[in-house]
Amino acid sequence: MRTHAKARFIRQSPYKVRRVLDLVRGLPVGEARVILEHTNRRAADVILKCLDSAVANAEHNLALDADELFVAEAYADEGPTLKRWRPRARGRATKIRKRTSHITIVVADEEENE
């Protein structure tokens, strides 16, 4: 059985978030938590919170044991981009794109892995 959690409109680019998600994809939840707690990246805190939410959903909604769960899928999609302007020389302006991410984490029990 599978369940998921989403963190939307995270103010960090999907490229940077995907680098952290690649570390935990396919791992048991316990291992993934340890890796995220010791990863020195800003995205790790948000991903850890989303992982905890997915595990809580599995425990509460599907009555699954947290020790038997693993990270089945983890991906970051691009959210809306905030467009800002920066003044430049000779009266010009340059566009600044502040990117956002939608993070999705899917956890499943060990039986589905086999």
PDB file of N, CA and C in Angstrom:
ATOM      1  N   MET A   1       0.831  -1.169   0.000  1.00  0.00           N
ATOM      2  CA  MET A   1       0.000   0.000   0.000  1.00  0.00           C
ATOM      3  C   MET A   1       0.884   1.244   0.000  1.00  0.00           C
ATOM      4  N   ARG A   2       0.392   2.274  -0.647  1.00  0.00           N
ATOM      5  CA  ARG A   2       1.177   3.502  -0.809  1.00  0.00           C
ATOM      6  C   ARG A   2       0.389   4.699  -0.292  1.00  0.00           C
ATOM      7  N   THR A   3       1.120   5.660   0.224  1.00  0.00           N
ATOM      8  CA  THR A   3       0.528   6.934   0.607  1.00  0.00           C
ATOM      9  C   THR A   3       1.554   8.032   0.344  1.00  0.00           C
ATOM     10  N   HIS A   4       1.089   9.269   0.278  1.00  0.00           N
ATOM     11  CA  HIS A   4       2.002  10.347  -0.104  1.00  0.00           C
ATOM     12  C   HIS A   4       1.747  11.601   0.727  1.00  0.00           C
ATOM     13  N   ALA A   5       2.686  12.529   0.595  1.00  0.00           N
ATOM     14  CA  ALA A   5       2.559  13.857   1.201  1.00  0.00           C
ATOM     15  C   ALA A   5       3.188  14.853   0.236  1.00  0.00           C
ATOM     16  N   LYS A   6       2.631  16.060   0.213  1.00  0.00           N
ATOM     17  CA  LYS A   6       3.139  17.103  -0.672  1.00  0.00           C
ATOM     18  C   LYS A   6       3.481  18.353   0.133  1.00  0.00           C
ATOM     19  N   ALA A   7       4.556  18.993  -0.263  1.00  0.00           N
ATOM     20  CA  ALA A   7       4.905  20.318   0.262  1.00  0.00           C
ATOM     21  C   ALA A   7       4.919  21.232  -0.956  1.00  0.00           C
ATOM     22  N   ARG A   8       4.034  22.206  -0.978  1.00  0.00           N
ATOM     23  CA  ARG A   8       3.880  23.032  -2.172  1.00  0.00           C
ATOM     24  C   ARG A   8       4.378  24.456  -1.935  1.00  0.00           C
ATOM     25  N   PHE A   9       4.758  25.100  -3.014  1.00  0.00           N
ATOM     26  CA  PHE A   9       5.211  26.489  -3.026  1.00  0.00           C
ATOM     27  C   PHE A   9       6.427  26.715  -2.116  1.00  0.00           C
ATOM     28  N   ILE A  10       7.361  25.774  -2.138  1.00  0.00           N
ATOM     29  CA  ILE A  10       8.599  25.899  -1.367  1.00  0.00           C
ATOM     30  C   ILE A  10       9.517  26.878  -2.099  1.00  0.00           C
ATOM     31  N   ARG A  11      10.028  27.885  -1.390  1.00  0.00           N
ATOM     32  CA  ARG A  11      10.819  28.945  -2.011  1.00  0.00           C
ATOM     33  C   ARG A  11      12.270  28.522  -2.228  1.00  0.00           C
ATOM     34  N   GLN A  12      12.439  27.477  -3.040  1.00  0.00           N
ATOM     35  CA  GLN A  12      13.764  27.039  -3.444  1.00  0.00           C
ATOM     36  C   GLN A  12      13.627  26.368  -4.807  1.00  0.00           C
ATOM     37  N   SER A  13      14.639  26.470  -5.617  1.00  0.00           N
ATOM     38  CA  SER A  13      14.526  25.947  -6.976  1.00  0.00           C
ATOM     39  C   SER A  13      14.452  24.419  -6.961  1.00  0.00           C
ATOM     40  N   PRO A  14      13.703  23.834  -7.895  1.00  0.00           N
ATOM     41  CA  PRO A  14      13.577  22.374  -7.948  1.00  0.00           C
ATOM     42  C   PRO A  14      14.925  21.685  -8.163  1.00  0.00           C
ATOM     43  N   TYR A  15      15.824  22.332  -8.882  1.00  0.00           N
ATOM     44  CA  TYR A  15      17.147  21.754  -9.128  1.00  0.00           C
ATOM     45  C   TYR A  15      17.871  21.466  -7.811  1.00  0.00           C
ATOM     46  N   LYS A  16      17.816  22.420  -6.885  1.00  0.00           N
ATOM     47  CA  LYS A  16      18.498  22.252  -5.599  1.00  0.00           C
ATOM     48  C   LYS A  16      17.788  21.230  -4.722  1.00  0.00           C
ATOM     49  N   VAL A  17      16.472  21.177  -4.805  1.00  0.00           N
ATOM     50  CA  VAL A  17      15.706  20.222  -4.003  1.00  0.00           C
ATOM     51  C   VAL A  17      15.937  18.799  -4.504  1.00  0.00           C
ATOM     52  N   ARG A  18      16.026  18.626  -5.816  1.00  0.00           N
ATOM     53  CA  ARG A  18      16.216  17.285  -6.390  1.00  0.00           C
ATOM     54  C   ARG A  18      17.538  16.663  -5.958  1.00  0.00           C
ATOM     55  N   ARG A  19      18.553  17.495  -5.747  1.00  0.00           N
ATOM     56  CA  ARG A  19      19.852  16.967  -5.301  1.00  0.00           C
ATOM     57  C   ARG A  19      19.737  16.274  -3.953  1.00  0.00           C
ATOM     58  N   VAL A  20      18.874  16.777  -3.075  1.00  0.00           N
ATOM     59  CA  VAL A  20      18.678  16.156  -1.759  1.00  0.00           C
ATOM     60  C   VAL A  20      17.745  14.948  -1.878  1.00  0.00           C
ATOM     61  N   LEU A  21      16.726  15.050  -2.717  1.00  0.00           N
ATOM     62  CA  LEU A  21      15.788  13.929  -2.891  1.00  0.00           C
ATOM     63  C   LEU A  21      16.491  12.693  -3.443  1.00  0.00           C
ATOM     64  N   ASP A  22      17.507  12.895  -4.265  1.00  0.00           N
ATOM     65  CA  ASP A  22      18.245  11.764  -4.825  1.00  0.00           C
ATOM     66  C   ASP A  22      18.953  10.945  -3.748  1.00  0.00           C
ATOM     67  N   LEU A  23      19.242  11.571  -2.607  1.00  0.00           N
ATOM     68  CA  LEU A  23      19.931  10.863  -1.525  1.00  0.00           C
ATOM     69  C   LEU A  23      19.026   9.854  -0.817  1.00  0.00           C
ATOM     70  N   VAL A  24      17.712  10.110  -0.791  1.00  0.00           N
ATOM     71  CA  VAL A  24      16.811   9.290   0.035  1.00  0.00           C
ATOM     72  C   VAL A  24      15.876   8.400  -0.770  1.00  0.00           C
ATOM     73  N   ARG A  25      15.811   8.579  -2.069  1.00  0.00           N
ATOM     74  CA  ARG A  25      14.879   7.796  -2.888  1.00  0.00           C
ATOM     75  C   ARG A  25      15.226   6.313  -2.820  1.00  0.00           C
ATOM     76  N   GLY A  26      14.225   5.481  -2.481  1.00  0.00           N
ATOM     77  CA  GLY A  26      14.408   4.033  -2.426  1.00  0.00           C
ATOM     78  C   GLY A  26      14.903   3.491  -1.100  1.00  0.00           C
ATOM     79  N   LEU A  27      15.172   4.343  -0.127  1.00  0.00           N
ATOM     80  CA  LEU A  27      15.698   3.898   1.161  1.00  0.00           C
ATOM     81  C   LEU A  27      14.572   3.639   2.160  1.00  0.00           C
ATOM     82  N   PRO A  28      14.832   2.806   3.170  1.00  0.00           N
ATOM     83  CA  PRO A  28      13.876   2.685   4.276  1.00  0.00           C
ATOM     84  C   PRO A  28      13.728   4.033   4.986  1.00  0.00           C
ATOM     85  N   VAL A  29      12.581   4.257   5.597  1.00  0.00           N
ATOM     86  CA  VAL A  29      12.276   5.553   6.200  1.00  0.00           C
ATOM     87  C   VAL A  29      13.274   5.912   7.295  1.00  0.00           C
ATOM     88  N   GLY A  30      13.674   4.948   8.109  1.00  0.00           N
ATOM     89  CA  GLY A  30      14.632   5.220   9.184  1.00  0.00           C
ATOM     90  C   GLY A  30      15.958   5.730   8.649  1.00  0.00           C
ATOM     91  N   GLU A  31      16.465   5.067   7.612  1.00  0.00           N
ATOM     92  CA  GLU A  31      17.722   5.499   6.998  1.00  0.00           C
ATOM     93  C   GLU A  31      17.584   6.878   6.370  1.00  0.00           C
ATOM     94  N   ALA A  32      16.464   7.098   5.694  1.00  0.00           N
ATOM     95  CA  ALA A  32      16.233   8.387   5.026  1.00  0.00           C
ATOM     96  C   ALA A  32      16.203   9.525   6.048  1.00  0.00           C
ATOM     97  N   ARG A  33      15.577   9.280   7.201  1.00  0.00           N
ATOM     98  CA  ARG A  33      15.528  10.306   8.255  1.00  0.00           C
ATOM     99  C   ARG A  33      16.937  10.670   8.734  1.00  0.00           C
ATOM    100  N   VAL A  34      17.767   9.662   8.957  1.00  0.00           N
ATOM    101  CA  VAL A  34      19.130   9.904   9.446  1.00  0.00           C
ATOM    102  C   VAL A  34      19.922  10.708   8.419  1.00  0.00           C
ATOM    103  N   ILE A  35      19.799  10.351   7.150  1.00  0.00           N
ATOM    104  CA  ILE A  35      20.527  11.068   6.103  1.00  0.00           C
ATOM    105  C   ILE A  35      20.064  12.523   6.029  1.00  0.00           C
ATOM    106  N   LEU A  36      18.750  12.747   6.091  1.00  0.00           N
ATOM    107  CA  LEU A  36      18.233  14.108   5.997  1.00  0.00           C
ATOM    108  C   LEU A  36      18.628  14.952   7.208  1.00  0.00           C
ATOM    109  N   GLU A  37      18.667  14.339   8.384  1.00  0.00           N
ATOM    110  CA  GLU A  37      19.049  15.079   9.585  1.00  0.00           C
ATOM    111  C   GLU A  37      20.509  15.531   9.538  1.00  0.00           C
ATOM    112  N   HIS A  38      21.346  14.798   8.799  1.00  0.00           N
ATOM    113  CA  HIS A  38      22.774  15.120   8.748  1.00  0.00           C
ATOM    114  C   HIS A  38      23.196  15.743   7.426  1.00  0.00           C
ATOM    115  N   THR A  39      22.242  16.080   6.568  1.00  0.00           N
ATOM    116  CA  THR A  39      22.562  16.717   5.294  1.00  0.00           C
ATOM    117  C   THR A  39      22.583  18.229   5.490  1.00  0.00           C
ATOM    118  N   ASN A  40      23.667  18.840   5.057  1.00  0.00           N
ATOM    119  CA  ASN A  40      23.861  20.276   5.260  1.00  0.00           C
ATOM    120  C   ASN A  40      23.332  21.059   4.054  1.00  0.00           C
ATOM    121  N   ARG A  41      22.039  20.962   3.816  1.00  0.00           N
ATOM    122  CA  ARG A  41      21.376  21.690   2.734  1.00  0.00           C
ATOM    123  C   ARG A  41      20.059  22.235   3.249  1.00  0.00           C
ATOM    124  N   ARG A  42      19.653  23.407   2.752  1.00  0.00           N
ATOM    125  CA  ARG A  42      18.427  24.036   3.229  1.00  0.00           C
ATOM    126  C   ARG A  42      17.195  23.196   2.909  1.00  0.00           C
ATOM    127  N   ALA A  43      17.206  22.493   1.787  1.00  0.00           N
ATOM    128  CA  ALA A  43      16.053  21.704   1.373  1.00  0.00           C
ATOM    129  C   ALA A  43      15.823  20.493   2.279  1.00  0.00           C
ATOM    130  N   ALA A  44      16.845  20.053   3.001  1.00  0.00           N
ATOM    131  CA  ALA A  44      16.727  18.851   3.820  1.00  0.00           C
ATOM    132  C   ALA A  44      15.675  19.006   4.911  1.00  0.00           C
ATOM    133  N   ASP A  45      15.539  20.191   5.495  1.00  0.00           N
ATOM    134  CA  ASP A  45      14.553  20.406   6.551  1.00  0.00           C
ATOM    135  C   ASP A  45      13.124  20.256   6.029  1.00  0.00           C
ATOM    136  N   VAL A  46      12.860  20.834   4.868  1.00  0.00           N
ATOM    137  CA  VAL A  46      11.522  20.757   4.291  1.00  0.00           C
ATOM    138  C   VAL A  46      11.206  19.323   3.861  1.00  0.00           C
ATOM    139  N   ILE A  47      12.191  18.642   3.285  1.00  0.00           N
ATOM    140  CA  ILE A  47      11.989  17.265   2.838  1.00  0.00           C
ATOM    141  C   ILE A  47      11.756  16.354   4.037  1.00  0.00           C
ATOM    142  N   LEU A  48      12.479  16.572   5.131  1.00  0.00           N
ATOM    143  CA  LEU A  48      12.274  15.774   6.340  1.00  0.00           C
ATOM    144  C   LEU A  48      10.860  15.963   6.885  1.00  0.00           C
ATOM    145  N   LYS A  49      10.388  17.192   6.871  1.00  0.00           N
ATOM    146  CA  LYS A  49       9.037  17.475   7.335  1.00  0.00           C
ATOM    147  C   LYS A  49       7.993  16.789   6.446  1.00  0.00           C
ATOM    148  N   CYS A  50       8.216  16.806   5.148  1.00  0.00           N
ATOM    149  CA  CYS A  50       7.307  16.157   4.205  1.00  0.00           C
ATOM    150  C   CYS A  50       7.347  14.637   4.378  1.00  0.00           C
ATOM    151  N   LEU A  51       8.530  14.076   4.622  1.00  0.00           N
ATOM    152  CA  LEU A  51       8.659  12.635   4.858  1.00  0.00           C
ATOM    153  C   LEU A  51       7.919  12.228   6.125  1.00  0.00           C
ATOM    154  N   ASP A  52       8.063  13.017   7.185  1.00  0.00           N
ATOM    155  CA  ASP A  52       7.341  12.729   8.426  1.00  0.00           C
ATOM    156  C   ASP A  52       5.833  12.767   8.209  1.00  0.00           C
ATOM    157  N   SER A  53       5.376  13.686   7.380  1.00  0.00           N
ATOM    158  CA  SER A  53       3.950  13.783   7.082  1.00  0.00           C
ATOM    159  C   SER A  53       3.464  12.559   6.315  1.00  0.00           C
ATOM    160  N   ALA A  54       4.260  12.089   5.360  1.00  0.00           N
ATOM    161  CA  ALA A  54       3.884  10.903   4.585  1.00  0.00           C
ATOM    162  C   ALA A  54       3.825   9.669   5.480  1.00  0.00           C
ATOM    163  N   VAL A  55       4.768   9.551   6.414  1.00  0.00           N
ATOM    164  CA  VAL A  55       4.761   8.415   7.346  1.00  0.00           C
ATOM    165  C   VAL A  55       3.549   8.495   8.264  1.00  0.00           C
ATOM    166  N   ALA A  56       3.234   9.695   8.749  1.00  0.00           N
ATOM    167  CA  ALA A  56       2.062   9.862   9.609  1.00  0.00           C
ATOM    168  C   ALA A  56       0.780   9.522   8.856  1.00  0.00           C
ATOM    169  N   ASN A  57       0.711   9.896   7.576  1.00  0.00           N
ATOM    170  CA  ASN A  57      -0.454   9.539   6.766  1.00  0.00           C
ATOM    171  C   ASN A  57      -0.591   8.030   6.639  1.00  0.00           C
ATOM    172  N   ALA A  58       0.535   7.337   6.450  1.00  0.00           N
ATOM    173  CA  ALA A  58       0.500   5.882   6.310  1.00  0.00           C
ATOM    174  C   ALA A  58       0.059   5.216   7.610  1.00  0.00           C
ATOM    175  N   GLU A  59       0.542   5.740   8.730  1.00  0.00           N
ATOM    176  CA  GLU A  59       0.163   5.155  10.026  1.00  0.00           C
ATOM    177  C   GLU A  59      -1.305   5.414  10.340  1.00  0.00           C
ATOM    178  N   HIS A  60      -1.753   6.634  10.134  1.00  0.00           N
ATOM    179  CA  HIS A  60      -3.110   7.009  10.535  1.00  0.00           C
ATOM    180  C   HIS A  60      -4.177   6.508   9.564  1.00  0.00           C
ATOM    181  N   ASN A  61      -3.957   6.715   8.278  1.00  0.00           N
ATOM    182  CA  ASN A  61      -4.987   6.399   7.294  1.00  0.00           C
ATOM    183  C   ASN A  61      -5.014   4.933   6.882  1.00  0.00           C
ATOM    184  N   LEU A  62      -3.840   4.293   6.795  1.00  0.00           N
ATOM    185  CA  LEU A  62      -3.769   2.920   6.301  1.00  0.00           C
ATOM    186  C   LEU A  62      -3.336   1.916   7.367  1.00  0.00           C
ATOM    187  N   ALA A  63      -3.076   2.382   8.588  1.00  0.00           N
ATOM    188  CA  ALA A  63      -2.655   1.527   9.712  1.00  0.00           C
ATOM    189  C   ALA A  63      -1.410   0.710   9.367  1.00  0.00           C
ATOM    190  N   LEU A  64      -0.434   1.331   8.705  1.00  0.00           N
ATOM    191  CA  LEU A  64       0.818   0.662   8.377  1.00  0.00           C
ATOM    192  C   LEU A  64       1.843   0.935   9.467  1.00  0.00           C
ATOM    193  N   ASP A  65       2.800   0.013   9.607  1.00  0.00           N
ATOM    194  CA  ASP A  65       3.866   0.165  10.592  1.00  0.00           C
ATOM    195  C   ASP A  65       4.975   1.028  10.002  1.00  0.00           C
ATOM    196  N   ALA A  66       5.398   2.046  10.728  1.00  0.00           N
ATOM    197  CA  ALA A  66       6.399   2.992  10.224  1.00  0.00           C
ATOM    198  C   ALA A  66       7.751   2.323   9.982  1.00  0.00           C
ATOM    199  N   ASP A  67       8.057   1.253  10.726  1.00  0.00           N
ATOM    200  CA  ASP A  67       9.352   0.578  10.574  1.00  0.00           C
ATOM    201  C   ASP A  67       9.443  -0.206   9.273  1.00  0.00           C
ATOM    202  N   GLU A  68       8.305  -0.509   8.655  1.00  0.00           N
ATOM    203  CA  GLU A  68       8.307  -1.307   7.431  1.00  0.00           C
ATOM    204  C   GLU A  68       8.137  -0.473   6.173  1.00  0.00           C
ATOM    205  N   LEU A  69       8.182   0.848   6.299  1.00  0.00           N
ATOM    206  CA  LEU A  69       7.978   1.723   5.151  1.00  0.00           C
ATOM    207  C   LEU A  69       9.305   2.096   4.491  1.00  0.00           C
ATOM    208  N   PHE A  70       9.249   2.364   3.186  1.00  0.00           N
ATOM    209  CA  PHE A  70      10.405   2.881   2.471  1.00  0.00           C
ATOM    210  C   PHE A  70       9.938   3.982   1.523  1.00  0.00           C
ATOM    211  N   VAL A  71      10.881   4.791   1.069  1.00  0.00           N
ATOM    212  CA  VAL A  71      10.566   5.908   0.182  1.00  0.00           C
ATOM    213  C   VAL A  71      10.451   5.349  -1.240  1.00  0.00           C
ATOM    214  N   ALA A  72       9.229   5.180  -1.711  1.00  0.00           N
ATOM    215  CA  ALA A  72       9.001   4.594  -3.033  1.00  0.00           C
ATOM    216  C   ALA A  72       9.275   5.613  -4.138  1.00  0.00           C
ATOM    217  N   GLU A  73       8.790   6.839  -3.959  1.00  0.00           N
ATOM    218  CA  GLU A  73       9.004   7.898  -4.944  1.00  0.00           C
ATOM    219  C   GLU A  73       9.303   9.194  -4.203  1.00  0.00           C
ATOM    220  N   ALA A  74      10.134  10.009  -4.810  1.00  0.00           N
ATOM    221  CA  ALA A  74      10.427  11.339  -4.269  1.00  0.00           C
ATOM    222  C   ALA A  74      10.808  12.223  -5.437  1.00  0.00           C
ATOM    223  N   TYR A  75      10.018  13.256  -5.674  1.00  0.00           N
ATOM    224  CA  TYR A  75      10.311  14.139  -6.792  1.00  0.00           C
ATOM    225  C   TYR A  75       9.894  15.563  -6.476  1.00  0.00           C
ATOM    226  N   ALA A  76      10.508  16.501  -7.203  1.00  0.00           N
ATOM    227  CA  ALA A  76      10.226  17.926  -7.038  1.00  0.00           C
ATOM    228  C   ALA A  76       9.831  18.492  -8.393  1.00  0.00           C
ATOM    229  N   ASP A  77       8.629  19.009  -8.469  1.00  0.00           N
ATOM    230  CA  ASP A  77       8.153  19.667  -9.682  1.00  0.00           C
ATOM    231  C   ASP A  77       8.312  21.173  -9.525  1.00  0.00           C
ATOM    232  N   GLU A  78       8.287  21.865 -10.649  1.00  0.00           N
ATOM    233  CA  GLU A  78       8.452  23.311 -10.613  1.00  0.00           C
ATOM    234  C   GLU A  78       7.126  23.982 -10.299  1.00  0.00           C
ATOM    235  N   GLY A  79       7.156  24.895  -9.343  1.00  0.00           N
ATOM    236  CA  GLY A  79       5.984  25.678  -8.999  1.00  0.00           C
ATOM    237  C   GLY A  79       6.004  26.994  -9.760  1.00  0.00           C
ATOM    238  N   PRO A  80       5.136  27.918  -9.402  1.00  0.00           N
ATOM    239  CA  PRO A  80       5.135  29.214 -10.089  1.00  0.00           C
ATOM    240  C   PRO A  80       6.411  30.002  -9.787  1.00  0.00           C
ATOM    241  N   THR A  81       6.859  30.745 -10.778  1.00  0.00           N
ATOM    242  CA  THR A  81       8.067  31.550 -10.631  1.00  0.00           C
ATOM    243  C   THR A  81       7.683  32.991 -10.327  1.00  0.00           C
ATOM    244  N   LEU A  82       8.263  33.543  -9.265  1.00  0.00           N
ATOM    245  CA  LEU A  82       8.044  34.940  -8.929  1.00  0.00           C
ATOM    246  C   LEU A  82       8.982  35.782  -9.783  1.00  0.00           C
ATOM    247  N   LYS A  83       8.446  36.770 -10.469  1.00  0.00           N
ATOM    248  CA  LYS A  83       9.265  37.595 -11.359  1.00  0.00           C
ATOM    249  C   LYS A  83       9.524  38.939 -10.707  1.00  0.00           C
ATOM    250  N   ARG A  84      10.807  39.276 -10.598  1.00  0.00           N
ATOM    251  CA  ARG A  84      11.225  40.523 -10.001  1.00  0.00           C
ATOM    252  C   ARG A  84      12.169  41.233 -10.967  1.00  0.00           C
ATOM    253  N   TRP A  85      12.445  42.507 -10.716  1.00  0.00           N
ATOM    254  CA  TRP A  85      13.325  43.296 -11.582  1.00  0.00           C
ATOM    255  C   TRP A  85      14.456  43.916 -10.774  1.00  0.00           C
ATOM    256  N   ARG A  86      15.635  43.946 -11.373  1.00  0.00           N
ATOM    257  CA  ARG A  86      16.808  44.563 -10.752  1.00  0.00           C
ATOM    258  C   ARG A  86      17.307  45.678 -11.666  1.00  0.00           C
ATOM    259  N   PRO A  87      17.512  46.867 -11.114  1.00  0.00           N
ATOM    260  CA  PRO A  87      18.025  47.959 -11.951  1.00  0.00           C
ATOM    261  C   PRO A  87      19.459  47.683 -12.404  1.00  0.00           C
ATOM    262  N   ARG A  88      19.745  48.061 -13.649  1.00  0.00           N
ATOM    263  CA  ARG A  88      21.086  47.873 -14.216  1.00  0.00           C
ATOM    264  C   ARG A  88      21.582  49.208 -14.783  1.00  0.00           C
ATOM    265  N   ALA A  89      22.730  49.150 -15.378  1.00  0.00           N
ATOM    266  CA  ALA A  89      23.352  50.377 -15.888  1.00  0.00           C
ATOM    267  C   ALA A  89      22.542  50.981 -17.037  1.00  0.00           C
ATOM    268  N   ARG A  90      22.652  52.292 -17.177  1.00  0.00           N
ATOM    269  CA  ARG A  90      22.076  53.042 -18.293  1.00  0.00           C
ATOM    270  C   ARG A  90      20.550  52.897 -18.356  1.00  0.00           C
ATOM    271  N   GLY A  91      19.883  52.841 -17.198  1.00  0.00           N
ATOM    272  CA  GLY A  91      18.438  52.853 -17.147  1.00  0.00           C
ATOM    273  C   GLY A  91      17.763  51.562 -17.528  1.00  0.00           C
ATOM    274  N   ARG A  92      18.516  50.518 -17.655  1.00  0.00           N
ATOM    275  CA  ARG A  92      17.933  49.229 -18.024  1.00  0.00           C
ATOM    276  C   ARG A  92      17.502  48.459 -16.783  1.00  0.00           C
ATOM    277  N   ALA A  93      16.852  47.326 -17.009  1.00  0.00           N
ATOM    278  CA  ALA A  93      16.449  46.438 -15.911  1.00  0.00           C
ATOM    279  C   ALA A  93      16.683  45.001 -16.339  1.00  0.00           C
ATOM    280  N   THR A  94      16.997  44.153 -15.368  1.00  0.00           N
ATOM    281  CA  THR A  94      17.207  42.734 -15.621  1.00  0.00           C
ATOM    282  C   THR A  94      16.176  41.939 -14.838  1.00  0.00           C
ATOM    283  N   LYS A  95      15.657  40.910 -15.454  1.00  0.00           N
ATOM    284  CA  LYS A  95      14.648  40.072 -14.813  1.00  0.00           C
ATOM    285  C   LYS A  95      15.304  39.119 -13.814  1.00  0.00           C
ATOM    286  N   ILE A  96      14.728  38.996 -12.638  1.00  0.00           N
ATOM    287  CA  ILE A  96      15.159  38.015 -11.639  1.00  0.00           C
ATOM    288  C   ILE A  96      14.022  37.019 -11.493  1.00  0.00           C
ATOM    289  N   ARG A  97      14.327  35.742 -11.636  1.00  0.00           N
ATOM    290  CA  ARG A  97      13.311  34.698 -11.496  1.00  0.00           C
ATOM    291  C   ARG A  97      13.526  33.974 -10.178  1.00  0.00           C
ATOM    292  N   LYS A  98      12.568  34.113  -9.269  1.00  0.00           N
ATOM    293  CA  LYS A  98      12.638  33.426  -7.979  1.00  0.00           C
ATOM    294  C   LYS A  98      11.772  32.183  -8.092  1.00  0.00           C
ATOM    295  N   ARG A  99      12.413  31.045  -8.173  1.00  0.00           N
ATOM    296  CA  ARG A  99      11.716  29.798  -8.466  1.00  0.00           C
ATOM    297  C   ARG A  99      11.145  29.155  -7.200  1.00  0.00           C
ATOM    298  N   THR A 100      10.087  28.371  -7.385  1.00  0.00           N
ATOM    299  CA  THR A 100       9.473  27.633  -6.289  1.00  0.00           C
ATOM    300  C   THR A 100       9.342  26.167  -6.688  1.00  0.00           C
ATOM    301  N   SER A 101       9.109  25.308  -5.694  1.00  0.00           N
ATOM    302  CA  SER A 101       9.039  23.864  -5.910  1.00  0.00           C
ATOM    303  C   SER A 101       7.793  23.285  -5.273  1.00  0.00           C
ATOM    304  N   HIS A 102       7.320  22.185  -5.861  1.00  0.00           N
ATOM    305  CA  HIS A 102       6.300  21.338  -5.252  1.00  0.00           C
ATOM    306  C   HIS A 102       6.978  19.988  -5.004  1.00  0.00           C
ATOM    307  N   ILE A 103       7.129  19.614  -3.727  1.00  0.00           N
ATOM    308  CA  ILE A 103       7.807  18.363  -3.369  1.00  0.00           C
ATOM    309  C   ILE A 103       6.760  17.300  -3.070  1.00  0.00           C
ATOM    310  N   THR A 104       6.932  16.110  -3.642  1.00  0.00           N
ATOM    311  CA  THR A 104       6.037  14.981  -3.387  1.00  0.00           C
ATOM    312  C   THR A 104       6.867  13.797  -2.932  1.00  0.00           C
ATOM    313  N   ILE A 105       6.463  13.188  -1.813  1.00  0.00           N
ATOM    314  CA  ILE A 105       7.128  11.990  -1.302  1.00  0.00           C
ATOM    315  C   ILE A 105       6.080  10.902  -1.144  1.00  0.00           C
ATOM    316  N   VAL A 106       6.341   9.736  -1.741  1.00  0.00           N
ATOM    317  CA  VAL A 106       5.444   8.585  -1.663  1.00  0.00           C
ATOM    318  C   VAL A 106       6.154   7.503  -0.869  1.00  0.00           C
ATOM    319  N   VAL A 107       5.485   7.003   0.178  1.00  0.00           N
ATOM    320  CA  VAL A 107       6.035   5.887   0.959  1.00  0.00           C
ATOM    321  C   VAL A 107       5.153   4.668   0.742  1.00  0.00           C
ATOM    322  N   ALA A 108       5.783   3.497   0.780  1.00  0.00           N
ATOM    323  CA  ALA A 108       5.069   2.233   0.604  1.00  0.00           C
ATOM    324  C   ALA A 108       5.621   1.223   1.595  1.00  0.00           C
ATOM    325  N   ASP A 109       4.860   0.167   1.841  1.00  0.00           N
ATOM    326  CA  ASP A 109       5.353  -0.872   2.758  1.00  0.00           C
ATOM    327  C   ASP A 109       6.281  -1.818   2.006  1.00  0.00           C
ATOM    328  N   GLU A 110       7.019  -2.619   2.755  1.00  0.00           N
ATOM    329  CA  GLU A 110       8.055  -3.491   2.189  1.00  0.00           C
ATOM    330  C   GLU A 110       7.479  -4.531   1.253  1.00  0.00           C
ATOM    331  N   GLU A 111       6.235  -4.963   1.475  1.00  0.00           N
ATOM    332  CA  GLU A 111       5.649  -6.003   0.628  1.00  0.00           C
ATOM    333  C   GLU A 111       5.567  -5.554  -0.821  1.00  0.00           C
ATOM    334  N   GLU A 112       5.316  -4.268  -1.048  1.00  0.00           N
ATOM    335  CA  GLU A 112       5.195  -3.750  -2.405  1.00  0.00           C
ATOM    336  C   GLU A 112       6.541  -3.712  -3.101  1.00  0.00           C
ATOM    337  N   ASN A 113       7.617  -3.632  -2.343  1.00  0.00           N
ATOM    338  CA  ASN A 113       8.965  -3.569  -2.909  1.00  0.00           C
ATOM    339  C   ASN A 113       9.366  -4.891  -3.543  1.00  0.00           C
ATOM    340  N   GLU A 114       8.822  -5.983  -3.065  1.00  0.00           N
ATOM    341  CA  GLU A 114       9.240  -7.320  -3.532  1.00  0.00           C
ATOM    342  C   GLU A 114       8.525  -7.749  -4.783  1.00  0.00           C
TER     343      GLU A 114
END
